[in-house]
């Protein structure tokens, strides 16, 4: 039986915490889970162990927004090669049902402003 997602939070520059579901990349590449047709914000991330809490933390390598998680995940994604090169081992999703593109972009920008993910930089391939 496949393991479910891990819950984690990403902090925005605004101080807002966004709850993400993080899925192991090796499972996603095998087709689990089947992502829902829901809008939201996603990240290619690298899991790291937090020695203080004993729980994993996630470093966003790329952050994006989508009108459907079915459309923008992994190998066909334009930033996948960069995220893979930087050691991405998790994909995180933050579902935002009934959100507008502007609302999703605001969350995306808030997280990018805090973490400055390497694959969101225009000069990084």
PDB file of N, CA and C in Angstrom:
ATOM      1  N   UNK A   1       0.848  -1.187   0.000  1.00  0.00           N
ATOM      2  CA  UNK A   1       0.000   0.000   0.000  1.00  0.00           C
ATOM      3  C   UNK A   1       0.885   1.239   0.000  1.00  0.00           C
ATOM      4  N   UNK A   2       0.520   2.218  -0.796  1.00  0.00           N
ATOM      5  CA  UNK A   2       1.304   3.447  -0.920  1.00  0.00           C
ATOM      6  C   UNK A   2       1.061   4.354   0.278  1.00  0.00           C
ATOM      7  N   UNK A   3       2.114   5.036   0.681  1.00  0.00           N
ATOM      8  CA  UNK A   3       2.007   5.976   1.790  1.00  0.00           C
ATOM      9  C   UNK A   3       1.297   7.242   1.330  1.00  0.00           C
ATOM     10  N   UNK A   4       0.563   7.834   2.238  1.00  0.00           N
ATOM     11  CA  UNK A   4      -0.129   9.076   1.926  1.00  0.00           C
ATOM     12  C   UNK A   4       0.801  10.261   2.034  1.00  0.00           C
ATOM     13  N   UNK A   5       0.245  11.442   1.886  1.00  0.00           N
ATOM     14  CA  UNK A   5       1.082  12.647   1.937  1.00  0.00           C
ATOM     15  C   UNK A   5       1.534  12.960   3.352  1.00  0.00           C
ATOM     16  N   UNK A   6       2.593  13.738   3.416  1.00  0.00           N
ATOM     17  CA  UNK A   6       3.047  14.322   4.680  1.00  0.00           C
ATOM     18  C   UNK A   6       2.543  15.759   4.679  1.00  0.00           C
ATOM     19  N   UNK A   7       2.145  16.214   5.833  1.00  0.00           N
ATOM     20  CA  UNK A   7       1.715  17.604   5.943  1.00  0.00           C
ATOM     21  C   UNK A   7       2.895  18.476   6.344  1.00  0.00           C
ATOM     22  N   UNK A   8       2.968  19.633   5.753  1.00  0.00           N
ATOM     23  CA  UNK A   8       3.989  20.602   6.094  1.00  0.00           C
ATOM     24  C   UNK A   8       3.465  21.991   5.796  1.00  0.00           C
ATOM     25  N   UNK A   9       4.171  22.986   6.250  1.00  0.00           N
ATOM     26  CA  UNK A   9       3.752  24.366   6.011  1.00  0.00           C
ATOM     27  C   UNK A   9       4.904  25.139   5.402  1.00  0.00           C
ATOM     28  N   UNK A  10       4.558  26.005   4.481  1.00  0.00           N
ATOM     29  CA  UNK A  10       5.522  26.949   3.940  1.00  0.00           C
ATOM     30  C   UNK A  10       5.127  28.334   4.415  1.00  0.00           C
ATOM     31  N   UNK A  11       6.114  29.087   4.826  1.00  0.00           N
ATOM     32  CA  UNK A  11       5.905  30.427   5.343  1.00  0.00           C
ATOM     33  C   UNK A  11       6.026  31.425   4.205  1.00  0.00           C
ATOM     34  N   UNK A  12       5.090  32.325   4.130  1.00  0.00           N
ATOM     35  CA  UNK A  12       5.187  33.403   3.155  1.00  0.00           C
ATOM     36  C   UNK A  12       5.949  34.577   3.735  1.00  0.00           C
ATOM     37  N   UNK A  13       6.432  35.449   2.879  1.00  0.00           N
ATOM     38  CA  UNK A  13       7.112  36.671   3.328  1.00  0.00           C
ATOM     39  C   UNK A  13       6.189  37.496   4.221  1.00  0.00           C
ATOM     40  N   UNK A  14       4.880  37.374   4.004  1.00  0.00           N
ATOM     41  CA  UNK A  14       3.885  38.102   4.789  1.00  0.00           C
ATOM     42  C   UNK A  14       3.761  37.580   6.219  1.00  0.00           C
ATOM     43  N   UNK A  15       4.327  36.384   6.474  1.00  0.00           N
ATOM     44  CA  UNK A  15       4.176  35.750   7.778  1.00  0.00           C
ATOM     45  C   UNK A  15       3.069  34.708   7.802  1.00  0.00           C
ATOM     46  N   UNK A  16       2.311  34.610   6.711  1.00  0.00           N
ATOM     47  CA  UNK A  16       1.235  33.619   6.634  1.00  0.00           C
ATOM     48  C   UNK A  16       1.825  32.229   6.420  1.00  0.00           C
ATOM     49  N   UNK A  17       1.278  31.232   7.136  1.00  0.00           N
ATOM     50  CA  UNK A  17       1.678  29.839   6.941  1.00  0.00           C
ATOM     51  C   UNK A  17       0.670  29.151   6.021  1.00  0.00           C
ATOM     52  N   UNK A  18       1.191  28.499   4.987  1.00  0.00           N
ATOM     53  CA  UNK A  18       0.345  27.802   4.025  1.00  0.00           C
ATOM     54  C   UNK A  18       0.499  26.294   4.222  1.00  0.00           C
ATOM     55  N   UNK A  19      -0.620  25.584   4.493  1.00  0.00           N
ATOM     56  CA  UNK A  19      -0.526  24.136   4.693  1.00  0.00           C
ATOM     57  C   UNK A  19      -0.450  23.392   3.353  1.00  0.00           C
ATOM     58  N   UNK A  20       0.628  22.659   3.165  1.00  0.00           N
ATOM     59  CA  UNK A  20       0.847  21.882   1.950  1.00  0.00           C
ATOM     60  C   UNK A  20       0.788  20.397   2.262  1.00  0.00           C
ATOM     61  N   UNK A  21       0.334  19.629   1.288  1.00  0.00           N
ATOM     62  CA  UNK A  21       0.464  18.176   1.326  1.00  0.00           C
ATOM     63  C   UNK A  21       1.680  17.844   0.472  1.00  0.00           C
ATOM     64  N   UNK A  22       2.659  17.144   1.053  1.00  0.00           N
ATOM     65  CA  UNK A  22       3.876  16.788   0.346  1.00  0.00           C
ATOM     66  C   UNK A  22       3.861  15.311  -0.012  1.00  0.00           C
ATOM     67  N   UNK A  23       4.097  15.041  -1.288  1.00  0.00           N
ATOM     68  CA  UNK A  23       4.112  13.679  -1.807  1.00  0.00           C
ATOM     69  C   UNK A  23       5.521  13.323  -2.261  1.00  0.00           C
ATOM     70  N   UNK A  24       5.974  12.124  -1.886  1.00  0.00           N
ATOM     71  CA  UNK A  24       7.289  11.653  -2.306  1.00  0.00           C
ATOM     72  C   UNK A  24       7.335  11.584  -3.828  1.00  0.00           C
ATOM     73  N   UNK A  25       8.383  12.146  -4.395  1.00  0.00           N
ATOM     74  CA  UNK A  25       8.522  12.209  -5.845  1.00  0.00           C
ATOM     75  C   UNK A  25       8.514  10.829  -6.486  1.00  0.00           C
ATOM     76  N   UNK A  26       9.169   9.850  -5.860  1.00  0.00           N
ATOM     77  CA  UNK A  26       9.197   8.524  -6.469  1.00  0.00           C
ATOM     78  C   UNK A  26       7.794   7.940  -6.612  1.00  0.00           C
ATOM     79  N   UNK A  27       6.887   8.269  -5.713  1.00  0.00           N
ATOM     80  CA  UNK A  27       5.503   7.799  -5.839  1.00  0.00           C
ATOM     81  C   UNK A  27       4.760   8.560  -6.941  1.00  0.00           C
ATOM     82  N   UNK A  28       4.985   9.856  -7.015  1.00  0.00           N
ATOM     83  CA  UNK A  28       4.320  10.671  -8.033  1.00  0.00           C
ATOM     84  C   UNK A  28       4.727  10.206  -9.435  1.00  0.00           C
ATOM     85  N   UNK A  29       6.005   9.892  -9.610  1.00  0.00           N
ATOM     86  CA  UNK A  29       6.484   9.437 -10.916  1.00  0.00           C
ATOM     87  C   UNK A  29       5.887   8.083 -11.306  1.00  0.00           C
ATOM     88  N   UNK A  30       5.435   7.327 -10.314  1.00  0.00           N
ATOM     89  CA  UNK A  30       4.771   6.042 -10.587  1.00  0.00           C
ATOM     90  C   UNK A  30       3.260   6.184 -10.741  1.00  0.00           C
ATOM     91  N   UNK A  31       2.768   7.411 -10.668  1.00  0.00           N
ATOM     92  CA  UNK A  31       1.337   7.635 -10.887  1.00  0.00           C
ATOM     93  C   UNK A  31       0.491   7.708  -9.645  1.00  0.00           C
ATOM     94  N   UNK A  32       1.098   7.791  -8.475  1.00  0.00           N
ATOM     95  CA  UNK A  32       0.324   7.965  -7.252  1.00  0.00           C
ATOM     96  C   UNK A  32       0.756   9.275  -6.607  1.00  0.00           C
ATOM     97  N   UNK A  33      -0.130  10.072  -6.178  1.00  0.00           N
ATOM     98  CA  UNK A  33      -1.575   9.956  -6.328  1.00  0.00           C
ATOM     99  C   UNK A  33      -2.004  10.494  -7.682  1.00  0.00           C
ATOM    100  N   UNK A  34      -3.231  10.275  -8.006  1.00  0.00           N
ATOM    101  CA  UNK A  34      -3.822  10.949  -9.160  1.00  0.00           C
ATOM    102  C   UNK A  34      -4.280  12.300  -8.630  1.00  0.00           C
ATOM    103  N   UNK A  35      -3.615  13.357  -9.081  1.00  0.00           N
ATOM    104  CA  UNK A  35      -3.947  14.676  -8.568  1.00  0.00           C
ATOM    105  C   UNK A  35      -5.323  15.117  -9.054  1.00  0.00           C
ATOM    106  N   UNK A  36      -5.996  15.882  -8.222  1.00  0.00           N
ATOM    107  CA  UNK A  36      -7.359  16.308  -8.491  1.00  0.00           C
ATOM    108  C   UNK A  36      -7.387  17.508  -9.442  1.00  0.00           C
ATOM    109  N   UNK A  37      -8.529  17.710 -10.007  1.00  0.00           N
ATOM    110  CA  UNK A  37      -8.765  18.836 -10.913  1.00  0.00           C
ATOM    111  C   UNK A  37      -9.181  20.038 -10.069  1.00  0.00           C
ATOM    112  N   UNK A  38      -8.244  20.501  -9.250  1.00  0.00           N
ATOM    113  CA  UNK A  38      -8.474  21.595  -8.314  1.00  0.00           C
ATOM    114  C   UNK A  38      -7.359  22.617  -8.517  1.00  0.00           C
ATOM    115  N   UNK A  39      -7.660  23.903  -8.419  1.00  0.00           N
ATOM    116  CA  UNK A  39      -6.612  24.913  -8.533  1.00  0.00           C
ATOM    117  C   UNK A  39      -5.811  25.049  -7.242  1.00  0.00           C
ATOM    118  N   UNK A  40      -4.639  25.642  -7.372  1.00  0.00           N
ATOM    119  CA  UNK A  40      -3.845  25.898  -6.185  1.00  0.00           C
ATOM    120  C   UNK A  40      -2.410  26.252  -6.519  1.00  0.00           C
ATOM    121  N   UNK A  41      -1.572  26.132  -5.503  1.00  0.00           N
ATOM    122  CA  UNK A  41      -0.147  26.437  -5.605  1.00  0.00           C
ATOM    123  C   UNK A  41       0.609  25.140  -5.325  1.00  0.00           C
ATOM    124  N   UNK A  42       1.713  24.942  -6.035  1.00  0.00           N
ATOM    125  CA  UNK A  42       2.499  23.723  -5.856  1.00  0.00           C
ATOM    126  C   UNK A  42       3.973  24.079  -5.768  1.00  0.00           C
ATOM    127  N   UNK A  43       4.753  23.137  -5.283  1.00  0.00           N
ATOM    128  CA  UNK A  43       6.190  23.323  -5.207  1.00  0.00           C
ATOM    129  C   UNK A  43       6.914  22.020  -5.483  1.00  0.00           C
ATOM    130  N   UNK A  44       8.011  22.105  -6.197  1.00  0.00           N
ATOM    131  CA  UNK A  44       8.987  21.025  -6.241  1.00  0.00           C
ATOM    132  C   UNK A  44       9.915  21.345  -5.077  1.00  0.00           C
ATOM    133  N   UNK A  45      10.081  20.410  -4.168  1.00  0.00           N
ATOM    134  CA  UNK A  45      10.804  20.710  -2.936  1.00  0.00           C
ATOM    135  C   UNK A  45      11.798  19.610  -2.576  1.00  0.00           C
ATOM    136  N   UNK A  46      12.701  19.976  -1.696  1.00  0.00           N
ATOM    137  CA  UNK A  46      13.663  19.029  -1.154  1.00  0.00           C
ATOM    138  C   UNK A  46      13.384  18.884   0.333  1.00  0.00           C
ATOM    139  N   UNK A  47      13.129  17.657   0.742  1.00  0.00           N
ATOM    140  CA  UNK A  47      12.886  17.398   2.157  1.00  0.00           C
ATOM    141  C   UNK A  47      14.214  17.388   2.907  1.00  0.00           C
ATOM    142  N   UNK A  48      14.199  17.996   4.071  1.00  0.00           N
ATOM    143  CA  UNK A  48      15.371  17.945   4.936  1.00  0.00           C
ATOM    144  C   UNK A  48      14.896  17.730   6.365  1.00  0.00           C
ATOM    145  N   UNK A  49      15.726  17.106   7.159  1.00  0.00           N
ATOM    146  CA  UNK A  49      15.385  16.809   8.546  1.00  0.00           C
ATOM    147  C   UNK A  49      15.669  18.034   9.415  1.00  0.00           C
ATOM    148  N   UNK A  50      14.719  18.393  10.258  1.00  0.00           N
ATOM    149  CA  UNK A  50      14.899  19.496  11.192  1.00  0.00           C
ATOM    150  C   UNK A  50      15.410  18.915  12.506  1.00  0.00           C
ATOM    151  N   UNK A  51      16.655  19.195  12.842  1.00  0.00           N
ATOM    152  CA  UNK A  51      17.258  18.641  14.059  1.00  0.00           C
ATOM    153  C   UNK A  51      16.641  19.181  15.339  1.00  0.00           C
ATOM    154  N   UNK A  52      15.972  20.309  15.272  1.00  0.00           N
ATOM    155  CA  UNK A  52      15.352  20.890  16.466  1.00  0.00           C
ATOM    156  C   UNK A  52      14.009  20.222  16.747  1.00  0.00           C
ATOM    157  N   UNK A  53      13.158  20.105  15.726  1.00  0.00           N
ATOM    158  CA  UNK A  53      11.824  19.527  15.929  1.00  0.00           C
ATOM    159  C   UNK A  53      11.793  18.019  15.716  1.00  0.00           C
ATOM    160  N   UNK A  54      12.758  17.498  14.973  1.00  0.00           N
ATOM    161  CA  UNK A  54      12.741  16.076  14.640  1.00  0.00           C
ATOM    162  C   UNK A  54      11.821  15.751  13.480  1.00  0.00           C
ATOM    163  N   UNK A  55      11.174  16.754  12.916  1.00  0.00           N
ATOM    164  CA  UNK A  55      10.252  16.574  11.792  1.00  0.00           C
ATOM    165  C   UNK A  55      10.883  17.114  10.512  1.00  0.00           C
ATOM    166  N   UNK A  56      10.391  16.673   9.373  1.00  0.00           N
ATOM    167  CA  UNK A  56      10.963  17.188   8.124  1.00  0.00           C
ATOM    168  C   UNK A  56      10.539  18.630   7.850  1.00  0.00           C
ATOM    169  N   UNK A  57      11.412  19.342   7.186  1.00  0.00           N
ATOM    170  CA  UNK A  57      11.118  20.652   6.616  1.00  0.00           C
ATOM    171  C   UNK A  57      11.274  20.505   5.113  1.00  0.00           C
ATOM    172  N   UNK A  58      10.754  21.463   4.380  1.00  0.00           N
ATOM    173  CA  UNK A  58      10.821  21.401   2.922  1.00  0.00           C
ATOM    174  C   UNK A  58      11.383  22.702   2.379  1.00  0.00           C
ATOM    175  N   UNK A  59      12.400  22.583   1.541  1.00  0.00           N
ATOM    176  CA  UNK A  59      12.977  23.734   0.848  1.00  0.00           C
ATOM    177  C   UNK A  59      12.357  23.809  -0.538  1.00  0.00           C
ATOM    178  N   UNK A  60      11.577  24.841  -0.827  1.00  0.00           N
ATOM    179  CA  UNK A  60      11.017  24.980  -2.165  1.00  0.00           C
ATOM    180  C   UNK A  60      12.120  25.253  -3.187  1.00  0.00           C
ATOM    181  N   UNK A  61      12.121  24.476  -4.251  1.00  0.00           N
ATOM    182  CA  UNK A  61      13.077  24.672  -5.343  1.00  0.00           C
ATOM    183  C   UNK A  61      12.416  25.396  -6.511  1.00  0.00           C
ATOM    184  N   UNK A  62      11.106  25.220  -6.629  1.00  0.00           N
ATOM    185  CA  UNK A  62      10.294  25.933  -7.612  1.00  0.00           C
ATOM    186  C   UNK A  62       8.898  26.041  -7.029  1.00  0.00           C
ATOM    187  N   UNK A  63       8.262  27.181  -7.198  1.00  0.00           N
ATOM    188  CA  UNK A  63       6.883  27.399  -6.752  1.00  0.00           C
ATOM    189  C   UNK A  63       6.090  27.921  -7.936  1.00  0.00           C
ATOM    190  N   UNK A  64       4.907  27.355  -8.142  1.00  0.00           N
ATOM    191  CA  UNK A  64       4.047  27.796  -9.232  1.00  0.00           C
ATOM    192  C   UNK A  64       2.586  27.699  -8.842  1.00  0.00           C
ATOM    193  N   UNK A  65       1.744  28.237  -9.687  1.00  0.00           N
ATOM    194  CA  UNK A  65       0.297  28.139  -9.461  1.00  0.00           C
ATOM    195  C   UNK A  65      -0.336  27.512 -10.684  1.00  0.00           C
ATOM    196  N   UNK A  66      -1.495  26.882 -10.471  1.00  0.00           N
ATOM    197  CA  UNK A  66      -2.171  26.187 -11.560  1.00  0.00           C
ATOM    198  C   UNK A  66      -3.675  26.218 -11.372  1.00  0.00           C
ATOM    199  N   UNK A  67      -4.392  26.132 -12.472  1.00  0.00           N
ATOM    200  CA  UNK A  67      -5.858  26.020 -12.373  1.00  0.00           C
ATOM    201  C   UNK A  67      -6.276  24.580 -12.142  1.00  0.00           C
ATOM    202  N   UNK A  68      -5.345  23.629 -12.345  1.00  0.00           N
ATOM    203  CA  UNK A  68      -5.629  22.218 -12.090  1.00  0.00           C
ATOM    204  C   UNK A  68      -4.325  21.472 -11.822  1.00  0.00           C
ATOM    205  N   UNK A  69      -4.263  20.765 -10.708  1.00  0.00           N
ATOM    206  CA  UNK A  69      -3.067  19.991 -10.393  1.00  0.00           C
ATOM    207  C   UNK A  69      -2.840  18.872 -11.414  1.00  0.00           C
ATOM    208  N   UNK A  70      -3.872  18.503 -12.153  1.00  0.00           N
ATOM    209  CA  UNK A  70      -3.707  17.479 -13.185  1.00  0.00           C
ATOM    210  C   UNK A  70      -2.873  17.989 -14.350  1.00  0.00           C
ATOM    211  N   UNK A  71      -2.787  19.302 -14.523  1.00  0.00           N
ATOM    212  CA  UNK A  71      -2.140  19.883 -15.695  1.00  0.00           C
ATOM    213  C   UNK A  71      -0.654  20.163 -15.557  1.00  0.00           C
ATOM    214  N   UNK A  72      -0.139  20.406 -14.362  1.00  0.00           N
ATOM    215  CA  UNK A  72       1.189  21.018 -14.239  1.00  0.00           C
ATOM    216  C   UNK A  72       2.150  20.229 -13.367  1.00  0.00           C
ATOM    217  N   UNK A  73       2.112  18.934 -13.390  1.00  0.00           N
ATOM    218  CA  UNK A  73       2.962  18.194 -12.474  1.00  0.00           C
ATOM    219  C   UNK A  73       4.053  17.426 -13.223  1.00  0.00           C
ATOM    220  N   UNK A  74       5.214  17.503 -12.741  1.00  0.00           N
ATOM    221  CA  UNK A  74       6.445  16.765 -12.987  1.00  0.00           C
ATOM    222  C   UNK A  74       6.992  16.814 -14.402  1.00  0.00           C
ATOM    223  N   UNK A  75       7.207  15.664 -15.030  1.00  0.00           N
ATOM    224  CA  UNK A  75       8.127  15.548 -16.147  1.00  0.00           C
ATOM    225  C   UNK A  75       7.869  16.487 -17.323  1.00  0.00           C
ATOM    226  N   UNK A  76       6.647  16.880 -17.561  1.00  0.00           N
ATOM    227  CA  UNK A  76       6.368  17.786 -18.667  1.00  0.00           C
ATOM    228  C   UNK A  76       6.483  19.247 -18.250  1.00  0.00           C
ATOM    229  N   UNK A  77       6.757  19.487 -16.989  1.00  0.00           N
ATOM    230  CA  UNK A  77       6.835  20.849 -16.474  1.00  0.00           C
ATOM    231  C   UNK A  77       8.116  21.520 -16.948  1.00  0.00           C
ATOM    232  N   UNK A  78       8.025  22.766 -17.329  1.00  0.00           N
ATOM    233  CA  UNK A  78       9.172  23.487 -17.890  1.00  0.00           C
ATOM    234  C   UNK A  78      10.317  23.691 -16.883  1.00  0.00           C
ATOM    235  N   UNK A  79      10.046  23.614 -15.593  1.00  0.00           N
ATOM    236  CA  UNK A  79      11.090  23.804 -14.581  1.00  0.00           C
ATOM    237  C   UNK A  79      11.510  22.494 -13.912  1.00  0.00           C
ATOM    238  N   UNK A  80      11.021  21.387 -14.440  1.00  0.00           N
ATOM    239  CA  UNK A  80      11.327  20.097 -13.823  1.00  0.00           C
ATOM    240  C   UNK A  80      12.823  19.788 -13.848  1.00  0.00           C
ATOM    241  N   UNK A  81      13.490  20.034 -14.954  1.00  0.00           N
ATOM    242  CA  UNK A  81      14.918  19.712 -15.060  1.00  0.00           C
ATOM    243  C   UNK A  81      15.724  20.461 -13.990  1.00  0.00           C
ATOM    244  N   UNK A  82      15.420  21.718 -13.784  1.00  0.00           N
ATOM    245  CA  UNK A  82      16.112  22.515 -12.761  1.00  0.00           C
ATOM    246  C   UNK A  82      15.838  21.949 -11.371  1.00  0.00           C
ATOM    247  N   UNK A  83      14.590  21.651 -11.067  1.00  0.00           N
ATOM    248  CA  UNK A  83      14.238  21.120  -9.745  1.00  0.00           C
ATOM    249  C   UNK A  83      14.926  19.782  -9.505  1.00  0.00           C
ATOM    250  N   UNK A  84      14.962  18.944 -10.516  1.00  0.00           N
ATOM    251  CA  UNK A  84      15.624  17.647 -10.411  1.00  0.00           C
ATOM    252  C   UNK A  84      17.121  17.836 -10.148  1.00  0.00           C
ATOM    253  N   UNK A  85      17.730  18.767 -10.866  1.00  0.00           N
ATOM    254  CA  UNK A  85      19.153  19.061 -10.701  1.00  0.00           C
ATOM    255  C   UNK A  85      19.468  19.523  -9.274  1.00  0.00           C
ATOM    256  N   UNK A  86      18.519  20.213  -8.634  1.00  0.00           N
ATOM    257  CA  UNK A  86      18.714  20.720  -7.275  1.00  0.00           C
ATOM    258  C   UNK A  86      18.280  19.716  -6.196  1.00  0.00           C
ATOM    259  N   UNK A  87      17.918  18.502  -6.602  1.00  0.00           N
ATOM    260  CA  UNK A  87      17.622  17.448  -5.632  1.00  0.00           C
ATOM    261  C   UNK A  87      16.187  17.343  -5.176  1.00  0.00           C
ATOM    262  N   UNK A  88      15.242  17.795  -5.995  1.00  0.00           N
ATOM    263  CA  UNK A  88      13.828  17.682  -5.619  1.00  0.00           C
ATOM    264  C   UNK A  88      13.473  16.229  -5.316  1.00  0.00           C
ATOM    265  N   UNK A  89      12.862  16.003  -4.153  1.00  0.00           N
ATOM    266  CA  UNK A  89      12.399  14.660  -3.814  1.00  0.00           C
ATOM    267  C   UNK A  89      10.957  14.647  -3.313  1.00  0.00           C
ATOM    268  N   UNK A  90      10.324  15.810  -3.313  1.00  0.00           N
ATOM    269  CA  UNK A  90       8.916  15.908  -2.917  1.00  0.00           C
ATOM    270  C   UNK A  90       8.202  16.928  -3.789  1.00  0.00           C
ATOM    271  N   UNK A  91       6.911  16.728  -3.935  1.00  0.00           N
ATOM    272  CA  UNK A  91       6.038  17.703  -4.581  1.00  0.00           C
ATOM    273  C   UNK A  91       4.986  18.077  -3.547  1.00  0.00           C
ATOM    274  N   UNK A  92       4.852  19.370  -3.313  1.00  0.00           N
ATOM    275  CA  UNK A  92       3.870  19.851  -2.360  1.00  0.00           C
ATOM    276  C   UNK A  92       2.739  20.556  -3.073  1.00  0.00           C
ATOM    277  N   UNK A  93       1.513  20.319  -2.603  1.00  0.00           N
ATOM    278  CA  UNK A  93       0.359  21.010  -3.183  1.00  0.00           C
ATOM    279  C   UNK A  93      -0.448  21.695  -2.081  1.00  0.00           C
ATOM    280  N   UNK A  94      -0.896  22.878  -2.413  1.00  0.00           N
ATOM    281  CA  UNK A  94      -1.759  23.672  -1.537  1.00  0.00           C
ATOM    282  C   UNK A  94      -3.023  23.945  -2.338  1.00  0.00           C
ATOM    283  N   UNK A  95      -4.071  23.213  -2.015  1.00  0.00           N
ATOM    284  CA  UNK A  95      -5.321  23.337  -2.768  1.00  0.00           C
ATOM    285  C   UNK A  95      -6.027  24.631  -2.409  1.00  0.00           C
ATOM    286  N   UNK A  96      -6.520  25.312  -3.456  1.00  0.00           N
ATOM    287  CA  UNK A  96      -7.261  26.565  -3.292  1.00  0.00           C
ATOM    288  C   UNK A  96      -8.537  26.512  -4.141  1.00  0.00           C
ATOM    289  N   UNK A  97      -9.504  25.671  -3.734  1.00  0.00           N
ATOM    290  CA  UNK A  97     -10.732  25.558  -4.516  1.00  0.00           C
ATOM    291  C   UNK A  97     -11.408  26.930  -4.668  1.00  0.00           C
ATOM    292  N   UNK A  98     -11.988  27.140  -5.811  1.00  0.00           N
ATOM    293  CA  UNK A  98     -12.735  28.373  -6.096  1.00  0.00           C
ATOM    294  C   UNK A  98     -11.872  29.635  -6.050  1.00  0.00           C
ATOM    295  N   UNK A  99     -10.561  29.485  -6.202  1.00  0.00           N
ATOM    296  CA  UNK A  99      -9.680  30.662  -6.173  1.00  0.00           C
ATOM    297  C   UNK A  99      -9.531  31.243  -7.573  1.00  0.00           C
ATOM    298  N   UNK A 100      -9.218  32.515  -7.612  1.00  0.00           N
ATOM    299  CA  UNK A 100      -8.964  33.194  -8.878  1.00  0.00           C
ATOM    300  C   UNK A 100      -7.471  33.093  -9.198  1.00  0.00           C
ATOM    301  N   UNK A 101      -7.091  33.301 -10.456  1.00  0.00           N
ATOM    302  CA  UNK A 101      -5.666  33.329 -10.785  1.00  0.00           C
ATOM    303  C   UNK A 101      -4.898  34.372  -9.962  1.00  0.00           C
ATOM    304  N   UNK A 102      -5.511  35.523  -9.707  1.00  0.00           N
ATOM    305  CA  UNK A 102      -4.843  36.568  -8.914  1.00  0.00           C
ATOM    306  C   UNK A 102      -4.607  36.117  -7.469  1.00  0.00           C
ATOM    307  N   UNK A 103      -5.565  35.400  -6.890  1.00  0.00           N
ATOM    308  CA  UNK A 103      -5.398  34.894  -5.524  1.00  0.00           C
ATOM    309  C   UNK A 103      -4.260  33.868  -5.464  1.00  0.00           C
ATOM    310  N   UNK A 104      -4.202  32.972  -6.447  1.00  0.00           N
ATOM    311  CA  UNK A 104      -3.131  31.973  -6.480  1.00  0.00           C
ATOM    312  C   UNK A 104      -1.778  32.631  -6.715  1.00  0.00           C
ATOM    313  N   UNK A 105      -1.744  33.615  -7.587  1.00  0.00           N
ATOM    314  CA  UNK A 105      -0.491  34.332  -7.875  1.00  0.00           C
ATOM    315  C   UNK A 105       0.011  35.051  -6.625  1.00  0.00           C
ATOM    316  N   UNK A 106      -0.891  35.596  -5.825  1.00  0.00           N
ATOM    317  CA  UNK A 106      -0.498  36.284  -4.595  1.00  0.00           C
ATOM    318  C   UNK A 106       0.159  35.309  -3.614  1.00  0.00           C
ATOM    319  N   UNK A 107      -0.390  34.098  -3.485  1.00  0.00           N
ATOM    320  CA  UNK A 107       0.204  33.086  -2.606  1.00  0.00           C
ATOM    321  C   UNK A 107       1.553  32.647  -3.169  1.00  0.00           C
ATOM    322  N   UNK A 108       1.598  32.381  -4.466  1.00  0.00           N
ATOM    323  CA  UNK A 108       2.846  32.000  -5.129  1.00  0.00           C
ATOM    324  C   UNK A 108       3.930  33.054  -4.866  1.00  0.00           C
ATOM    325  N   UNK A 109       3.611  34.311  -5.098  1.00  0.00           N
ATOM    326  CA  UNK A 109       4.577  35.396  -4.900  1.00  0.00           C
ATOM    327  C   UNK A 109       5.009  35.521  -3.439  1.00  0.00           C
ATOM    328  N   UNK A 110       4.076  35.331  -2.508  1.00  0.00           N
ATOM    329  CA  UNK A 110       4.377  35.423  -1.084  1.00  0.00           C
ATOM    330  C   UNK A 110       5.418  34.373  -0.691  1.00  0.00           C
ATOM    331  N   UNK A 111       5.255  33.151  -1.186  1.00  0.00           N
ATOM    332  CA  UNK A 111       6.195  32.068  -0.867  1.00  0.00           C
ATOM    333  C   UNK A 111       7.533  32.296  -1.578  1.00  0.00           C
ATOM    334  N   UNK A 112       7.486  32.693  -2.832  1.00  0.00           N
ATOM    335  CA  UNK A 112       8.724  32.963  -3.586  1.00  0.00           C
ATOM    336  C   UNK A 112       9.520  34.077  -2.918  1.00  0.00           C
ATOM    337  N   UNK A 113       8.839  35.131  -2.476  1.00  0.00           N
ATOM    338  CA  UNK A 113       9.537  36.247  -1.828  1.00  0.00           C
ATOM    339  C   UNK A 113      10.252  35.811  -0.550  1.00  0.00           C
ATOM    340  N   UNK A 114       9.704  34.827   0.148  1.00  0.00           N
ATOM    341  CA  UNK A 114      10.316  34.343   1.393  1.00  0.00           C
ATOM    342  C   UNK A 114      11.517  33.434   1.125  1.00  0.00           C
ATOM    343  N   UNK A 115      11.349  32.464   0.213  1.00  0.00           N
ATOM    344  CA  UNK A 115      12.362  31.421   0.029  1.00  0.00           C
ATOM    345  C   UNK A 115      13.338  31.680  -1.126  1.00  0.00           C
ATOM    346  N   UNK A 116      12.941  32.481  -2.100  1.00  0.00           N
ATOM    347  CA  UNK A 116      13.732  32.736  -3.309  1.00  0.00           C
ATOM    348  C   UNK A 116      14.213  31.411  -3.918  1.00  0.00           C
ATOM    349  N   UNK A 117      13.271  30.559  -4.361  1.00  0.00           N
ATOM    350  CA  UNK A 117      13.637  29.251  -4.910  1.00  0.00           C
ATOM    351  C   UNK A 117      14.534  29.377  -6.126  1.00  0.00           C
ATOM    352  N   UNK A 118      15.567  28.537  -6.223  1.00  0.00           N
ATOM    353  CA  UNK A 118      16.530  28.668  -7.323  1.00  0.00           C
ATOM    354  C   UNK A 118      15.924  28.493  -8.710  1.00  0.00           C
ATOM    355  N   UNK A 119      14.892  27.699  -8.827  1.00  0.00           N
ATOM    356  CA  UNK A 119      14.318  27.443 -10.150  1.00  0.00           C
ATOM    357  C   UNK A 119      13.263  28.470 -10.554  1.00  0.00           C
ATOM    358  N   UNK A 120      12.949  29.419  -9.681  1.00  0.00           N
ATOM    359  CA  UNK A 120      12.075  30.528 -10.045  1.00  0.00           C
ATOM    360  C   UNK A 120      12.874  31.715 -10.574  1.00  0.00           C
ATOM    361  N   UNK A 121      14.182  31.653 -10.460  1.00  0.00           N
ATOM    362  CA  UNK A 121      15.020  32.727 -10.972  1.00  0.00           C
ATOM    363  C   UNK A 121      15.061  32.634 -12.488  1.00  0.00           C
ATOM    364  N   UNK A 122      14.882  33.742 -13.169  1.00  0.00           N
ATOM    365  CA  UNK A 122      14.824  33.728 -14.625  1.00  0.00           C
ATOM    366  C   UNK A 122      16.139  33.321 -15.266  1.00  0.00           C
ATOM    367  N   UNK A 123      17.247  33.490 -14.571  1.00  0.00           N
ATOM    368  CA  UNK A 123      18.538  33.138 -15.163  1.00  0.00           C
ATOM    369  C   UNK A 123      18.883  31.661 -14.995  1.00  0.00           C
ATOM    370  N   UNK A 124      18.108  30.916 -14.182  1.00  0.00           N
ATOM    371  CA  UNK A 124      18.379  29.500 -13.951  1.00  0.00           C
ATOM    372  C   UNK A 124      17.618  28.678 -14.990  1.00  0.00           C
ATOM    373  N   UNK A 125      18.297  27.774 -15.708  1.00  0.00           N
ATOM    374  CA  UNK A 125      17.598  26.963 -16.715  1.00  0.00           C
ATOM    375  C   UNK A 125      16.665  25.964 -16.076  1.00  0.00           C
TER     376      UNK A 125
END
